[in-house]
Amino acid sequence: MTMSKTKDNVIVTKTKHFALRIIKMYKFLCNEKKEFILSKQVVRSGTSIGANVKEGIRGQSRQDFYAKMNIALKESSETEYWLELLHESDYLSDEQFTSIYNDCQEIIRILMSITKKQKQIITDRNDSDG
């Protein structure tokens, strides 16, 4: 995969920004709300998204890129779940939740688009090899 330019890459930028927001939220939840269980889960999955994206961009093949983007998508979905739990259990206000949740959903949409396109490219290549 020839996606070596990470500086101007939208998904790299968005997932790093998102990870930083998750870290700040984690600090808030631990320091202000004394919540340590759900917050640890969301910080793990929320920061993992960008790490997998970054790793995928440096992948050795298109299949490697696709696999890492798929993992990032799964981590995004898990993060979405933890955010919902934090909101529904009143650890996050409506305002706090809406902003970060919308960012998470935007990342999910982008990753779904990337994985769908990559799967099609891989399928087309495999069909032409046969």
N, C-alpha and C. Protein backbone atom coordinates (compact mmCIF):
# COMPACT_ATOMS: atom_id res chain seq x y z
N MET A 1 0.86 -1.18 0.00
CA MET A 1 0.00 0.00 0.00
C MET A 1 0.89 1.22 0.00
N THR A 2 0.68 2.11 -0.91
CA THR A 2 1.53 3.29 -1.02
C THR A 2 0.88 4.50 -0.38
N MET A 3 0.65 4.40 0.92
CA MET A 3 0.06 5.52 1.65
C MET A 3 1.05 6.03 2.68
N SER A 4 2.27 6.35 2.22
CA SER A 4 3.32 6.74 3.15
C SER A 4 3.13 8.14 3.70
N LYS A 5 2.33 8.97 3.07
CA LYS A 5 2.11 10.33 3.56
C LYS A 5 1.05 10.32 4.66
N THR A 6 1.52 10.34 5.90
CA THR A 6 0.57 10.34 7.00
C THR A 6 0.23 11.74 7.48
N LYS A 7 1.06 12.72 7.15
CA LYS A 7 0.86 14.08 7.64
C LYS A 7 -0.48 14.66 7.17
N ASP A 8 -0.83 14.44 5.92
CA ASP A 8 -2.05 15.01 5.35
C ASP A 8 -3.17 13.99 5.24
N ASN A 9 -3.03 12.84 5.87
CA ASN A 9 -4.01 11.78 5.78
C ASN A 9 -5.15 12.04 6.78
N VAL A 10 -6.37 12.17 6.26
CA VAL A 10 -7.53 12.53 7.08
C VAL A 10 -7.75 11.55 8.22
N ILE A 11 -7.72 10.27 7.95
CA ILE A 11 -8.03 9.29 9.00
C ILE A 11 -6.93 9.27 10.07
N VAL A 12 -5.69 9.48 9.67
CA VAL A 12 -4.60 9.54 10.66
C VAL A 12 -4.81 10.75 11.57
N THR A 13 -5.10 11.89 10.97
CA THR A 13 -5.31 13.12 11.74
C THR A 13 -6.51 12.99 12.67
N LYS A 14 -7.62 12.49 12.15
CA LYS A 14 -8.84 12.38 12.96
C LYS A 14 -8.68 11.38 14.11
N THR A 15 -8.04 10.26 13.85
CA THR A 15 -7.90 9.26 14.91
C THR A 15 -6.91 9.72 15.98
N LYS A 16 -5.88 10.47 15.61
CA LYS A 16 -4.95 10.99 16.61
C LYS A 16 -5.65 12.05 17.47
N HIS A 17 -6.38 12.94 16.83
CA HIS A 17 -7.13 13.96 17.56
C HIS A 17 -8.15 13.29 18.50
N PHE A 18 -8.81 12.26 18.00
CA PHE A 18 -9.78 11.53 18.79
C PHE A 18 -9.11 10.88 20.00
N ALA A 19 -7.95 10.26 19.78
CA ALA A 19 -7.22 9.61 20.88
C ALA A 19 -6.86 10.62 21.97
N LEU A 20 -6.46 11.81 21.56
CA LEU A 20 -6.13 12.85 22.54
C LEU A 20 -7.37 13.27 23.32
N ARG A 21 -8.50 13.36 22.66
CA ARG A 21 -9.76 13.69 23.35
C ARG A 21 -10.13 12.57 24.34
N ILE A 22 -9.93 11.33 23.93
CA ILE A 22 -10.23 10.18 24.80
C ILE A 22 -9.34 10.22 26.04
N ILE A 23 -8.07 10.54 25.85
CA ILE A 23 -7.14 10.62 26.99
C ILE A 23 -7.58 11.71 27.96
N LYS A 24 -7.97 12.86 27.43
CA LYS A 24 -8.45 13.95 28.29
C LYS A 24 -9.73 13.54 29.02
N MET A 25 -10.62 12.83 28.33
CA MET A 25 -11.84 12.36 28.94
C MET A 25 -11.51 11.35 30.05
N TYR A 26 -10.55 10.48 29.79
CA TYR A 26 -10.12 9.49 30.77
C TYR A 26 -9.63 10.18 32.05
N LYS A 27 -8.80 11.20 31.88
CA LYS A 27 -8.30 11.95 33.04
C LYS A 27 -9.45 12.58 33.82
N PHE A 28 -10.39 13.16 33.10
CA PHE A 28 -11.57 13.77 33.73
C PHE A 28 -12.37 12.71 34.51
N LEU A 29 -12.62 11.57 33.88
CA LEU A 29 -13.41 10.53 34.53
C LEU A 29 -12.72 10.01 35.79
N CYS A 30 -11.41 9.84 35.72
CA CYS A 30 -10.68 9.35 36.90
C CYS A 30 -10.60 10.41 37.99
N ASN A 31 -10.24 11.63 37.61
CA ASN A 31 -10.01 12.69 38.60
C ASN A 31 -11.29 13.28 39.16
N GLU A 32 -12.26 13.54 38.31
CA GLU A 32 -13.48 14.23 38.73
C GLU A 32 -14.60 13.28 39.14
N LYS A 33 -14.77 12.21 38.39
CA LYS A 33 -15.90 11.31 38.62
C LYS A 33 -15.50 10.05 39.41
N LYS A 34 -14.20 9.88 39.61
CA LYS A 34 -13.69 8.69 40.32
C LYS A 34 -14.19 7.40 39.68
N GLU A 35 -14.23 7.40 38.35
CA GLU A 35 -14.66 6.23 37.58
C GLU A 35 -13.41 5.64 36.95
N PHE A 36 -13.12 4.37 37.25
CA PHE A 36 -11.87 3.77 36.81
C PHE A 36 -12.03 2.56 35.91
N ILE A 37 -13.18 1.94 35.91
CA ILE A 37 -13.36 0.69 35.16
C ILE A 37 -13.72 0.96 33.70
N LEU A 38 -14.85 1.62 33.47
CA LEU A 38 -15.27 1.92 32.10
C LEU A 38 -14.28 2.85 31.40
N SER A 39 -13.74 3.79 32.16
CA SER A 39 -12.81 4.74 31.57
C SER A 39 -11.54 4.06 31.07
N LYS A 40 -11.10 3.04 31.78
CA LYS A 40 -9.92 2.30 31.33
C LYS A 40 -10.21 1.54 30.03
N GLN A 41 -11.42 1.01 29.93
CA GLN A 41 -11.82 0.30 28.70
C GLN A 41 -11.85 1.26 27.51
N VAL A 42 -12.46 2.43 27.72
CA VAL A 42 -12.61 3.37 26.60
C VAL A 42 -11.26 3.97 26.20
N VAL A 43 -10.35 4.16 27.16
CA VAL A 43 -9.05 4.71 26.79
C VAL A 43 -8.24 3.68 26.00
N ARG A 44 -8.40 2.41 26.32
CA ARG A 44 -7.69 1.36 25.57
C ARG A 44 -8.20 1.26 24.13
N SER A 45 -9.51 1.16 23.99
CA SER A 45 -10.06 1.00 22.63
C SER A 45 -9.95 2.31 21.84
N GLY A 46 -10.17 3.44 22.50
CA GLY A 46 -10.16 4.72 21.81
C GLY A 46 -8.79 5.14 21.30
N THR A 47 -7.74 4.77 22.01
CA THR A 47 -6.39 5.08 21.53
C THR A 47 -5.87 4.02 20.57
N SER A 48 -6.44 2.84 20.63
CA SER A 48 -6.03 1.76 19.73
C SER A 48 -6.44 2.02 18.28
N ILE A 49 -7.48 2.79 18.09
CA ILE A 49 -7.97 3.07 16.73
C ILE A 49 -6.85 3.69 15.90
N GLY A 50 -6.31 4.79 16.39
CA GLY A 50 -5.26 5.49 15.65
C GLY A 50 -3.99 4.68 15.52
N ALA A 51 -3.67 3.91 16.55
CA ALA A 51 -2.47 3.06 16.49
C ALA A 51 -2.58 2.05 15.36
N ASN A 52 -3.76 1.45 15.21
CA ASN A 52 -3.96 0.48 14.12
C ASN A 52 -3.97 1.15 12.76
N VAL A 53 -4.55 2.34 12.68
CA VAL A 53 -4.54 3.08 11.41
C VAL A 53 -3.09 3.38 11.01
N LYS A 54 -2.33 3.89 11.94
CA LYS A 54 -0.93 4.23 11.68
C LYS A 54 -0.14 2.99 11.26
N GLU A 55 -0.35 1.90 11.97
CA GLU A 55 0.33 0.65 11.64
C GLU A 55 -0.08 0.15 10.26
N GLY A 56 -1.36 0.27 9.94
CA GLY A 56 -1.85 -0.17 8.64
C GLY A 56 -1.26 0.62 7.50
N ILE A 57 -1.09 1.90 7.69
CA ILE A 57 -0.52 2.74 6.64
C ILE A 57 0.92 2.34 6.34
N ARG A 58 1.59 1.85 7.34
CA ARG A 58 2.95 1.37 7.15
C ARG A 58 2.98 -0.14 6.81
N GLY A 59 1.81 -0.67 6.50
CA GLY A 59 1.69 -2.10 6.22
C GLY A 59 2.53 -2.57 5.05
N GLN A 60 2.78 -3.85 5.03
CA GLN A 60 3.63 -4.45 4.01
C GLN A 60 2.88 -4.78 2.73
N SER A 61 1.57 -4.84 2.80
CA SER A 61 0.78 -5.20 1.62
C SER A 61 -0.61 -4.59 1.74
N ARG A 62 -1.35 -4.65 0.67
CA ARG A 62 -2.72 -4.16 0.68
C ARG A 62 -3.55 -4.98 1.67
N GLN A 63 -3.30 -6.30 1.75
CA GLN A 63 -4.03 -7.15 2.69
C GLN A 63 -3.71 -6.75 4.14
N ASP A 64 -2.46 -6.42 4.40
CA ASP A 64 -2.05 -5.98 5.73
C ASP A 64 -2.75 -4.66 6.08
N PHE A 65 -2.78 -3.73 5.13
CA PHE A 65 -3.48 -2.46 5.32
C PHE A 65 -4.95 -2.70 5.63
N TYR A 66 -5.58 -3.55 4.83
CA TYR A 66 -7.00 -3.87 5.02
C TYR A 66 -7.24 -4.47 6.41
N ALA A 67 -6.40 -5.40 6.82
CA ALA A 67 -6.56 -6.06 8.12
C ALA A 67 -6.47 -5.04 9.26
N LYS A 68 -5.51 -4.13 9.19
CA LYS A 68 -5.35 -3.14 10.26
C LYS A 68 -6.51 -2.14 10.26
N MET A 69 -7.00 -1.77 9.10
CA MET A 69 -8.14 -0.85 9.04
C MET A 69 -9.38 -1.53 9.62
N ASN A 70 -9.49 -2.83 9.37
CA ASN A 70 -10.61 -3.60 9.93
C ASN A 70 -10.53 -3.66 11.45
N ILE A 71 -9.33 -3.84 11.99
CA ILE A 71 -9.14 -3.84 13.44
C ILE A 71 -9.50 -2.46 14.00
N ALA A 72 -9.06 -1.40 13.31
CA ALA A 72 -9.37 -0.04 13.75
C ALA A 72 -10.89 0.18 13.77
N LEU A 73 -11.57 -0.37 12.78
CA LEU A 73 -13.03 -0.27 12.72
C LEU A 73 -13.67 -0.98 13.91
N LYS A 74 -13.18 -2.16 14.24
CA LYS A 74 -13.70 -2.90 15.39
C LYS A 74 -13.45 -2.15 16.69
N GLU A 75 -12.27 -1.57 16.83
CA GLU A 75 -11.95 -0.78 18.02
C GLU A 75 -12.85 0.45 18.11
N SER A 76 -13.18 1.03 16.97
CA SER A 76 -14.09 2.19 16.94
C SER A 76 -15.47 1.79 17.44
N SER A 77 -15.93 0.64 17.00
CA SER A 77 -17.24 0.16 17.45
C SER A 77 -17.24 -0.13 18.94
N GLU A 78 -16.15 -0.69 19.43
CA GLU A 78 -16.04 -0.95 20.87
C GLU A 78 -16.03 0.37 21.64
N THR A 79 -15.32 1.34 21.13
CA THR A 79 -15.26 2.66 21.78
C THR A 79 -16.64 3.29 21.82
N GLU A 80 -17.37 3.16 20.73
CA GLU A 80 -18.74 3.68 20.66
C GLU A 80 -19.58 3.08 21.78
N TYR A 81 -19.43 1.79 22.01
CA TYR A 81 -20.16 1.09 23.07
C TYR A 81 -19.81 1.65 24.46
N TRP A 82 -18.51 1.79 24.75
CA TRP A 82 -18.10 2.30 26.06
C TRP A 82 -18.59 3.73 26.27
N LEU A 83 -18.57 4.54 25.21
CA LEU A 83 -19.08 5.91 25.33
C LEU A 83 -20.56 5.91 25.66
N GLU A 84 -21.31 5.02 25.01
CA GLU A 84 -22.75 4.91 25.30
C GLU A 84 -22.97 4.53 26.76
N LEU A 85 -22.20 3.57 27.26
CA LEU A 85 -22.34 3.16 28.66
C LEU A 85 -21.99 4.29 29.62
N LEU A 86 -20.93 5.02 29.32
CA LEU A 86 -20.54 6.14 30.18
C LEU A 86 -21.62 7.21 30.21
N HIS A 87 -22.26 7.44 29.09
CA HIS A 87 -23.33 8.42 29.02
C HIS A 87 -24.58 7.92 29.74
N GLU A 88 -24.99 6.72 29.44
CA GLU A 88 -26.22 6.18 30.01
C GLU A 88 -26.12 5.90 31.50
N SER A 89 -24.90 5.82 32.02
CA SER A 89 -24.72 5.65 33.46
C SER A 89 -24.40 6.99 34.14
N ASP A 90 -24.59 8.06 33.39
CA ASP A 90 -24.47 9.44 33.90
C ASP A 90 -23.06 9.87 34.29
N TYR A 91 -22.06 9.24 33.72
CA TYR A 91 -20.69 9.72 33.94
C TYR A 91 -20.35 10.85 32.96
N LEU A 92 -21.02 10.84 31.80
CA LEU A 92 -20.84 11.91 30.82
C LEU A 92 -22.16 12.64 30.63
N SER A 93 -22.10 13.95 30.61
CA SER A 93 -23.30 14.75 30.35
C SER A 93 -23.69 14.60 28.88
N ASP A 94 -24.87 15.04 28.54
CA ASP A 94 -25.32 15.00 27.14
C ASP A 94 -24.34 15.74 26.25
N GLU A 95 -23.91 16.90 26.70
CA GLU A 95 -23.00 17.73 25.91
C GLU A 95 -21.65 17.05 25.72
N GLN A 96 -21.08 16.52 26.79
CA GLN A 96 -19.80 15.83 26.70
C GLN A 96 -19.89 14.62 25.78
N PHE A 97 -20.95 13.87 25.94
CA PHE A 97 -21.15 12.67 25.15
C PHE A 97 -21.33 12.98 23.67
N THR A 98 -22.22 13.89 23.35
CA THR A 98 -22.58 14.16 21.95
C THR A 98 -21.37 14.52 21.11
N SER A 99 -20.53 15.37 21.62
CA SER A 99 -19.36 15.82 20.87
C SER A 99 -18.41 14.67 20.53
N ILE A 100 -18.01 13.91 21.54
CA ILE A 100 -17.03 12.85 21.31
C ILE A 100 -17.66 11.66 20.58
N TYR A 101 -18.93 11.41 20.85
CA TYR A 101 -19.65 10.32 20.17
C TYR A 101 -19.78 10.61 18.68
N ASN A 102 -20.07 11.85 18.33
CA ASN A 102 -20.15 12.22 16.91
C ASN A 102 -18.81 12.04 16.21
N ASP A 103 -17.72 12.37 16.90
CA ASP A 103 -16.39 12.14 16.34
C ASP A 103 -16.15 10.65 16.11
N CYS A 104 -16.56 9.84 17.06
CA CYS A 104 -16.40 8.39 16.95
C CYS A 104 -17.18 7.85 15.75
N GLN A 105 -18.41 8.32 15.60
CA GLN A 105 -19.23 7.86 14.48
C GLN A 105 -18.66 8.30 13.13
N GLU A 106 -18.07 9.48 13.10
CA GLU A 106 -17.43 9.94 11.86
C GLU A 106 -16.25 9.04 11.50
N ILE A 107 -15.46 8.67 12.50
CA ILE A 107 -14.34 7.77 12.27
C ILE A 107 -14.84 6.42 11.78
N ILE A 108 -15.91 5.92 12.37
CA ILE A 108 -16.49 4.65 11.93
C ILE A 108 -16.91 4.74 10.46
N ARG A 109 -17.58 5.82 10.08
CA ARG A 109 -18.00 5.98 8.67
C ARG A 109 -16.80 5.99 7.72
N ILE A 110 -15.75 6.70 8.10
CA ILE A 110 -14.56 6.76 7.25
C ILE A 110 -13.91 5.39 7.14
N LEU A 111 -13.76 4.71 8.27
CA LEU A 111 -13.15 3.37 8.26
C LEU A 111 -14.00 2.36 7.50
N MET A 112 -15.31 2.47 7.59
CA MET A 112 -16.19 1.58 6.81
C MET A 112 -15.97 1.81 5.32
N SER A 113 -15.83 3.06 4.92
CA SER A 113 -15.58 3.38 3.52
C SER A 113 -14.23 2.83 3.07
N ILE A 114 -13.21 3.03 3.89
CA ILE A 114 -11.87 2.54 3.55
C ILE A 114 -11.87 1.02 3.42
N THR A 115 -12.44 0.33 4.41
CA THR A 115 -12.41 -1.14 4.37
C THR A 115 -13.24 -1.69 3.22
N LYS A 116 -14.35 -1.06 2.93
CA LYS A 116 -15.18 -1.51 1.80
C LYS A 116 -14.42 -1.37 0.49
N LYS A 117 -13.78 -0.23 0.30
CA LYS A 117 -13.00 0.01 -0.92
C LYS A 117 -11.83 -0.98 -1.03
N GLN A 118 -11.11 -1.17 0.09
CA GLN A 118 -9.95 -2.07 0.06
C GLN A 118 -10.38 -3.52 -0.19
N LYS A 119 -11.48 -3.92 0.39
CA LYS A 119 -11.98 -5.28 0.16
C LYS A 119 -12.30 -5.47 -1.31
N GLN A 120 -12.91 -4.47 -1.92
CA GLN A 120 -13.25 -4.56 -3.34
C GLN A 120 -11.99 -4.64 -4.20
N ILE A 121 -10.98 -3.84 -3.88
CA ILE A 121 -9.72 -3.87 -4.63
C ILE A 121 -9.07 -5.24 -4.51
N ILE A 122 -9.04 -5.78 -3.30
CA ILE A 122 -8.43 -7.11 -3.08
C ILE A 122 -9.23 -8.17 -3.83
N THR A 123 -10.55 -8.11 -3.77
CA THR A 123 -11.40 -9.07 -4.49
C THR A 123 -11.17 -8.99 -5.99
N ASP A 124 -11.13 -7.77 -6.51
CA ASP A 124 -10.91 -7.57 -7.94
C ASP A 124 -9.55 -8.12 -8.37
N ARG A 125 -8.54 -7.90 -7.58
CA ARG A 125 -7.19 -8.42 -7.88
C ARG A 125 -7.18 -9.95 -7.88
N ASN A 126 -7.84 -10.52 -6.85
CA ASN A 126 -7.89 -11.98 -6.77
C ASN A 126 -8.64 -12.57 -7.94
N ASP A 127 -9.73 -11.91 -8.36
CA ASP A 127 -10.49 -12.38 -9.52
C ASP A 127 -9.67 -12.31 -10.80
N SER A 128 -8.85 -11.28 -10.94
CA SER A 128 -8.07 -11.13 -12.16
C SER A 128 -6.87 -12.07 -12.18
N ASP A 129 -6.44 -12.54 -10.99
CA ASP A 129 -5.33 -13.49 -10.90
C ASP A 129 -5.76 -14.91 -11.26
N GLY A 130 -7.06 -15.17 -11.09
CA GLY A 130 -7.58 -16.53 -11.26
C GLY A 130 -7.76 -16.88 -12.65
